[in-house]
Amino acid sequence: MVEKKMGRPTNNPKTNPIHVRLDNDTQRILEEYCKKEKIHKTEGIRRGIKRLESDIKK
């Protein structure tokens, strides 16, 4: 029997990792946005991806 890992419970688990390389300008934009919003880079990236959704619904 496999036991579940203990961790913070969530209704929206993040199970799909991704690795990206950013140029200096893109990195600067991400860091400035995250500092202003007081969020982690991963959350900033998620927000950016969500904004793309409107483009695919056109």
PDB file of N, CA and C in Angstrom:
ATOM      1  N   MET A   1       0.843  -1.189   0.000  1.00  0.00           N
ATOM      2  CA  MET A   1       0.000   0.000   0.000  1.00  0.00           C
ATOM      3  C   MET A   1       0.881   1.243   0.000  1.00  0.00           C
ATOM      4  N   VAL A   2       0.587   2.175  -0.898  1.00  0.00           N
ATOM      5  CA  VAL A   2       1.354   3.415  -1.022  1.00  0.00           C
ATOM      6  C   VAL A   2       0.676   4.492  -0.182  1.00  0.00           C
ATOM      7  N   GLU A   3       1.450   5.129   0.690  1.00  0.00           N
ATOM      8  CA  GLU A   3       0.901   6.193   1.523  1.00  0.00           C
ATOM      9  C   GLU A   3       1.041   7.527   0.809  1.00  0.00           C
ATOM     10  N   LYS A   4       0.060   8.397   1.017  1.00  0.00           N
ATOM     11  CA  LYS A   4       0.120   9.739   0.447  1.00  0.00           C
ATOM     12  C   LYS A   4       1.148  10.564   1.191  1.00  0.00           C
ATOM     13  N   LYS A   5       1.785  11.487   0.481  1.00  0.00           N
ATOM     14  CA  LYS A   5       2.711  12.419   1.112  1.00  0.00           C
ATOM     15  C   LYS A   5       1.924  13.384   1.989  1.00  0.00           C
ATOM     16  N   MET A   6       2.526  13.762   3.086  1.00  0.00           N
ATOM     17  CA  MET A   6       1.925  14.795   3.933  1.00  0.00           C
ATOM     18  C   MET A   6       2.362  16.146   3.390  1.00  0.00           C
ATOM     19  N   GLY A   7       1.496  17.086   3.365  1.00  0.00           N
ATOM     20  CA  GLY A   7       1.818  18.416   2.873  1.00  0.00           C
ATOM     21  C   GLY A   7       0.627  19.331   3.051  1.00  0.00           C
ATOM     22  N   ARG A   8       0.781  20.525   2.568  1.00  0.00           N
ATOM     23  CA  ARG A   8      -0.296  21.494   2.667  1.00  0.00           C
ATOM     24  C   ARG A   8      -1.445  21.066   1.763  1.00  0.00           C
ATOM     25  N   PRO A   9      -2.662  20.925   2.299  1.00  0.00           N
ATOM     26  CA  PRO A   9      -3.792  20.519   1.454  1.00  0.00           C
ATOM     27  C   PRO A   9      -4.154  21.625   0.461  1.00  0.00           C
ATOM     28  N   THR A  10      -4.591  21.222  -0.715  1.00  0.00           N
ATOM     29  CA  THR A  10      -4.969  22.185  -1.739  1.00  0.00           C
ATOM     30  C   THR A  10      -6.072  21.609  -2.616  1.00  0.00           C
ATOM     31  N   ASN A  11      -6.891  22.494  -3.148  1.00  0.00           N
ATOM     32  CA  ASN A  11      -7.912  22.093  -4.113  1.00  0.00           C
ATOM     33  C   ASN A  11      -7.396  22.225  -5.535  1.00  0.00           C
ATOM     34  N   ASN A  12      -6.188  22.765  -5.697  1.00  0.00           N
ATOM     35  CA  ASN A  12      -5.609  22.995  -7.017  1.00  0.00           C
ATOM     36  C   ASN A  12      -4.136  22.605  -7.007  1.00  0.00           C
ATOM     37  N   PRO A  13      -3.833  21.303  -6.970  1.00  0.00           N
ATOM     38  CA  PRO A  13      -2.425  20.893  -6.903  1.00  0.00           C
ATOM     39  C   PRO A  13      -1.662  21.285  -8.165  1.00  0.00           C
ATOM     40  N   LYS A  14      -0.417  21.666  -7.985  1.00  0.00           N
ATOM     41  CA  LYS A  14       0.449  22.069  -9.109  1.00  0.00           C
ATOM     42  C   LYS A  14       1.358  20.879  -9.437  1.00  0.00           C
ATOM     43  N   THR A  15       0.924  20.038 -10.360  1.00  0.00           N
ATOM     44  CA  THR A  15       1.632  18.790 -10.648  1.00  0.00           C
ATOM     45  C   THR A  15       2.376  18.796 -11.979  1.00  0.00           C
ATOM     46  N   ASN A  16       2.414  19.922 -12.675  1.00  0.00           N
ATOM     47  CA  ASN A  16       3.042  19.987 -13.993  1.00  0.00           C
ATOM     48  C   ASN A  16       4.215  20.954 -13.985  1.00  0.00           C
ATOM     49  N   PRO A  17       5.422  20.455 -13.699  1.00  0.00           N
ATOM     50  CA  PRO A  17       6.585  21.348 -13.666  1.00  0.00           C
ATOM     51  C   PRO A  17       7.000  21.785 -15.075  1.00  0.00           C
ATOM     52  N   ILE A  18       7.625  22.954 -15.148  1.00  0.00           N
ATOM     53  CA  ILE A  18       8.123  23.473 -16.419  1.00  0.00           C
ATOM     54  C   ILE A  18       9.412  24.238 -16.147  1.00  0.00           C
ATOM     55  N   HIS A  19      10.344  24.185 -17.072  1.00  0.00           N
ATOM     56  CA  HIS A  19      11.614  24.900 -16.959  1.00  0.00           C
ATOM     57  C   HIS A  19      11.715  25.850 -18.144  1.00  0.00           C
ATOM     58  N   VAL A  20      12.011  27.113 -17.873  1.00  0.00           N
ATOM     59  CA  VAL A  20      12.152  28.089 -18.954  1.00  0.00           C
ATOM     60  C   VAL A  20      13.441  28.880 -18.791  1.00  0.00           C
ATOM     61  N   ARG A  21      13.971  29.348 -19.896  1.00  0.00           N
ATOM     62  CA  ARG A  21      15.118  30.255 -19.892  1.00  0.00           C
ATOM     63  C   ARG A  21      14.610  31.621 -20.314  1.00  0.00           C
ATOM     64  N   LEU A  22      15.008  32.649 -19.568  1.00  0.00           N
ATOM     65  CA  LEU A  22      14.549  34.002 -19.851  1.00  0.00           C
ATOM     66  C   LEU A  22      15.720  34.881 -20.241  1.00  0.00           C
ATOM     67  N   ASP A  23      15.477  35.803 -21.174  1.00  0.00           N
ATOM     68  CA  ASP A  23      16.496  36.797 -21.481  1.00  0.00           C
ATOM     69  C   ASP A  23      16.498  37.830 -20.349  1.00  0.00           C
ATOM     70  N   ASN A  24      17.494  38.679 -20.317  1.00  0.00           N
ATOM     71  CA  ASN A  24      17.650  39.630 -19.218  1.00  0.00           C
ATOM     72  C   ASN A  24      16.451  40.569 -19.075  1.00  0.00           C
ATOM     73  N   ASP A  25      15.915  41.044 -20.190  1.00  0.00           N
ATOM     74  CA  ASP A  25      14.798  41.981 -20.132  1.00  0.00           C
ATOM     75  C   ASP A  25      13.547  41.310 -19.566  1.00  0.00           C
ATOM     76  N   THR A  26      13.258  40.100 -20.003  1.00  0.00           N
ATOM     77  CA  THR A  26      12.096  39.368 -19.503  1.00  0.00           C
ATOM     78  C   THR A  26      12.255  39.062 -18.020  1.00  0.00           C
ATOM     79  N   GLN A  27      13.448  38.695 -17.608  1.00  0.00           N
ATOM     80  CA  GLN A  27      13.736  38.422 -16.194  1.00  0.00           C
ATOM     81  C   GLN A  27      13.506  39.681 -15.343  1.00  0.00           C
ATOM     82  N   ARG A  28      13.968  40.818 -15.844  1.00  0.00           N
ATOM     83  CA  ARG A  28      13.796  42.086 -15.134  1.00  0.00           C
ATOM     84  C   ARG A  28      12.320  42.418 -14.963  1.00  0.00           C
ATOM     85  N   ILE A  29      11.544  42.241 -16.030  1.00  0.00           N
ATOM     86  CA  ILE A  29      10.105  42.523 -15.977  1.00  0.00           C
ATOM     87  C   ILE A  29       9.428  41.632 -14.942  1.00  0.00           C
ATOM     88  N   LEU A  30       9.739  40.348 -14.977  1.00  0.00           N
ATOM     89  CA  LEU A  30       9.145  39.402 -14.028  1.00  0.00           C
ATOM     90  C   LEU A  30       9.502  39.773 -12.590  1.00  0.00           C
ATOM     91  N   GLU A  31      10.766  40.067 -12.345  1.00  0.00           N
ATOM     92  CA  GLU A  31      11.207  40.414 -10.996  1.00  0.00           C
ATOM     93  C   GLU A  31      10.554  41.704 -10.503  1.00  0.00           C
ATOM     94  N   GLU A  32      10.461  42.714 -11.362  1.00  0.00           N
ATOM     95  CA  GLU A  32       9.823  43.976 -10.965  1.00  0.00           C
ATOM     96  C   GLU A  32       8.343  43.770 -10.660  1.00  0.00           C
ATOM     97  N   TYR A  33       7.660  43.000 -11.498  1.00  0.00           N
ATOM     98  CA  TYR A  33       6.234  42.732 -11.272  1.00  0.00           C
ATOM     99  C   TYR A  33       6.029  42.006  -9.951  1.00  0.00           C
ATOM    100  N   CYS A  34       6.823  40.962  -9.720  1.00  0.00           N
ATOM    101  CA  CYS A  34       6.668  40.161  -8.510  1.00  0.00           C
ATOM    102  C   CYS A  34       7.006  40.957  -7.254  1.00  0.00           C
ATOM    103  N   LYS A  35       7.991  41.822  -7.345  1.00  0.00           N
ATOM    104  CA  LYS A  35       8.340  42.660  -6.200  1.00  0.00           C
ATOM    105  C   LYS A  35       7.192  43.628  -5.891  1.00  0.00           C
ATOM    106  N   LYS A  36       6.636  44.238  -6.928  1.00  0.00           N
ATOM    107  CA  LYS A  36       5.529  45.185  -6.768  1.00  0.00           C
ATOM    108  C   LYS A  36       4.302  44.505  -6.182  1.00  0.00           C
ATOM    109  N   GLU A  37       3.990  43.296  -6.666  1.00  0.00           N
ATOM    110  CA  GLU A  37       2.799  42.571  -6.221  1.00  0.00           C
ATOM    111  C   GLU A  37       3.043  41.727  -4.968  1.00  0.00           C
ATOM    112  N   LYS A  38       4.320  41.639  -4.544  1.00  0.00           N
ATOM    113  CA  LYS A  38       4.702  40.830  -3.375  1.00  0.00           C
ATOM    114  C   LYS A  38       4.282  39.372  -3.543  1.00  0.00           C
ATOM    115  N   ILE A  39       4.677  38.801  -4.691  1.00  0.00           N
ATOM    116  CA  ILE A  39       4.363  37.401  -4.995  1.00  0.00           C
ATOM    117  C   ILE A  39       5.636  36.692  -5.441  1.00  0.00           C
ATOM    118  N   HIS A  40       5.585  35.359  -5.442  1.00  0.00           N
ATOM    119  CA  HIS A  40       6.702  34.561  -5.945  1.00  0.00           C
ATOM    120  C   HIS A  40       6.718  34.597  -7.480  1.00  0.00           C
ATOM    121  N   LYS A  41       7.875  34.315  -8.038  1.00  0.00           N
ATOM    122  CA  LYS A  41       8.001  34.301  -9.503  1.00  0.00           C
ATOM    123  C   LYS A  41       7.048  33.296 -10.130  1.00  0.00           C
ATOM    124  N   THR A  42       6.870  32.145  -9.490  1.00  0.00           N
ATOM    125  CA  THR A  42       5.965  31.139 -10.060  1.00  0.00           C
ATOM    126  C   THR A  42       4.546  31.681 -10.183  1.00  0.00           C
ATOM    127  N   GLU A  43       4.094  32.446  -9.203  1.00  0.00           N
ATOM    128  CA  GLU A  43       2.755  33.035  -9.270  1.00  0.00           C
ATOM    129  C   GLU A  43       2.701  34.096 -10.367  1.00  0.00           C
ATOM    130  N   GLY A  44       3.761  34.875 -10.531  1.00  0.00           N
ATOM    131  CA  GLY A  44       3.807  35.860 -11.604  1.00  0.00           C
ATOM    132  C   GLY A  44       3.720  35.209 -12.969  1.00  0.00           C
ATOM    133  N   ILE A  45       4.403  34.098 -13.133  1.00  0.00           N
ATOM    134  CA  ILE A  45       4.359  33.356 -14.399  1.00  0.00           C
ATOM    135  C   ILE A  45       2.957  32.806 -14.628  1.00  0.00           C
ATOM    136  N   ARG A  46       2.330  32.240 -13.589  1.00  0.00           N
ATOM    137  CA  ARG A  46       0.961  31.729 -13.727  1.00  0.00           C
ATOM    138  C   ARG A  46       0.003  32.841 -14.155  1.00  0.00           C
ATOM    139  N   ARG A  47       0.151  34.021 -13.550  1.00  0.00           N
ATOM    140  CA  ARG A  47      -0.722  35.140 -13.921  1.00  0.00           C
ATOM    141  C   ARG A  47      -0.527  35.544 -15.371  1.00  0.00           C
ATOM    142  N   GLY A  48       0.717  35.535 -15.835  1.00  0.00           N
ATOM    143  CA  GLY A  48       0.989  35.872 -17.229  1.00  0.00           C
ATOM    144  C   GLY A  48       0.371  34.871 -18.180  1.00  0.00           C
ATOM    145  N   ILE A  49       0.466  33.606 -17.833  1.00  0.00           N
ATOM    146  CA  ILE A  49      -0.117  32.553 -18.675  1.00  0.00           C
ATOM    147  C   ILE A  49      -1.633  32.688 -18.713  1.00  0.00           C
ATOM    148  N   LYS A  50      -2.252  32.985 -17.576  1.00  0.00           N
ATOM    149  CA  LYS A  50      -3.713  33.164 -17.538  1.00  0.00           C
ATOM    150  C   LYS A  50      -4.153  34.302 -18.459  1.00  0.00           C
ATOM    151  N   ARG A  51      -3.332  35.345 -18.561  1.00  0.00           N
ATOM    152  CA  ARG A  51      -3.677  36.474 -19.444  1.00  0.00           C
ATOM    153  C   ARG A  51      -3.675  36.065 -20.912  1.00  0.00           C
ATOM    154  N   LEU A  52      -2.968  35.019 -21.258  1.00  0.00           N
ATOM    155  CA  LEU A  52      -2.932  34.525 -22.633  1.00  0.00           C
ATOM    156  C   LEU A  52      -4.248  33.876 -23.036  1.00  0.00           C
ATOM    157  N   GLU A  53      -5.030  33.468 -22.057  1.00  0.00           N
ATOM    158  CA  GLU A  53      -6.276  32.760 -22.343  1.00  0.00           C
ATOM    159  C   GLU A  53      -7.216  33.586 -23.226  1.00  0.00           C
ATOM    160  N   SER A  54      -7.254  34.891 -23.021  1.00  0.00           N
ATOM    161  CA  SER A  54      -8.139  35.730 -23.829  1.00  0.00           C
ATOM    162  C   SER A  54      -7.721  35.717 -25.298  1.00  0.00           C
ATOM    163  N   ASP A  55      -6.434  35.541 -25.571  1.00  0.00           N
ATOM    164  CA  ASP A  55      -5.956  35.483 -26.962  1.00  0.00           C
ATOM    165  C   ASP A  55      -6.418  34.219 -27.670  1.00  0.00           C
ATOM    166  N   ILE A  56      -6.517  33.108 -26.950  1.00  0.00           N
ATOM    167  CA  ILE A  56      -6.908  31.865 -27.616  1.00  0.00           C
ATOM    168  C   ILE A  56      -8.425  31.746 -27.755  1.00  0.00           C
ATOM    169  N   LYS A  57      -9.180  32.608 -27.069  1.00  0.00           N
ATOM    170  CA  LYS A  57     -10.640  32.570 -27.168  1.00  0.00           C
ATOM    171  C   LYS A  57     -11.162  33.457 -28.283  1.00  0.00           C
ATOM    172  N   LYS A  58     -10.277  34.149 -28.996  1.00  0.00           N
ATOM    173  CA  LYS A  58     -10.708  35.060 -30.074  1.00  0.00           C
ATOM    174  C   LYS A  58     -11.083  34.290 -31.311  1.00  0.00           C
TER     175      LYS A  58
END
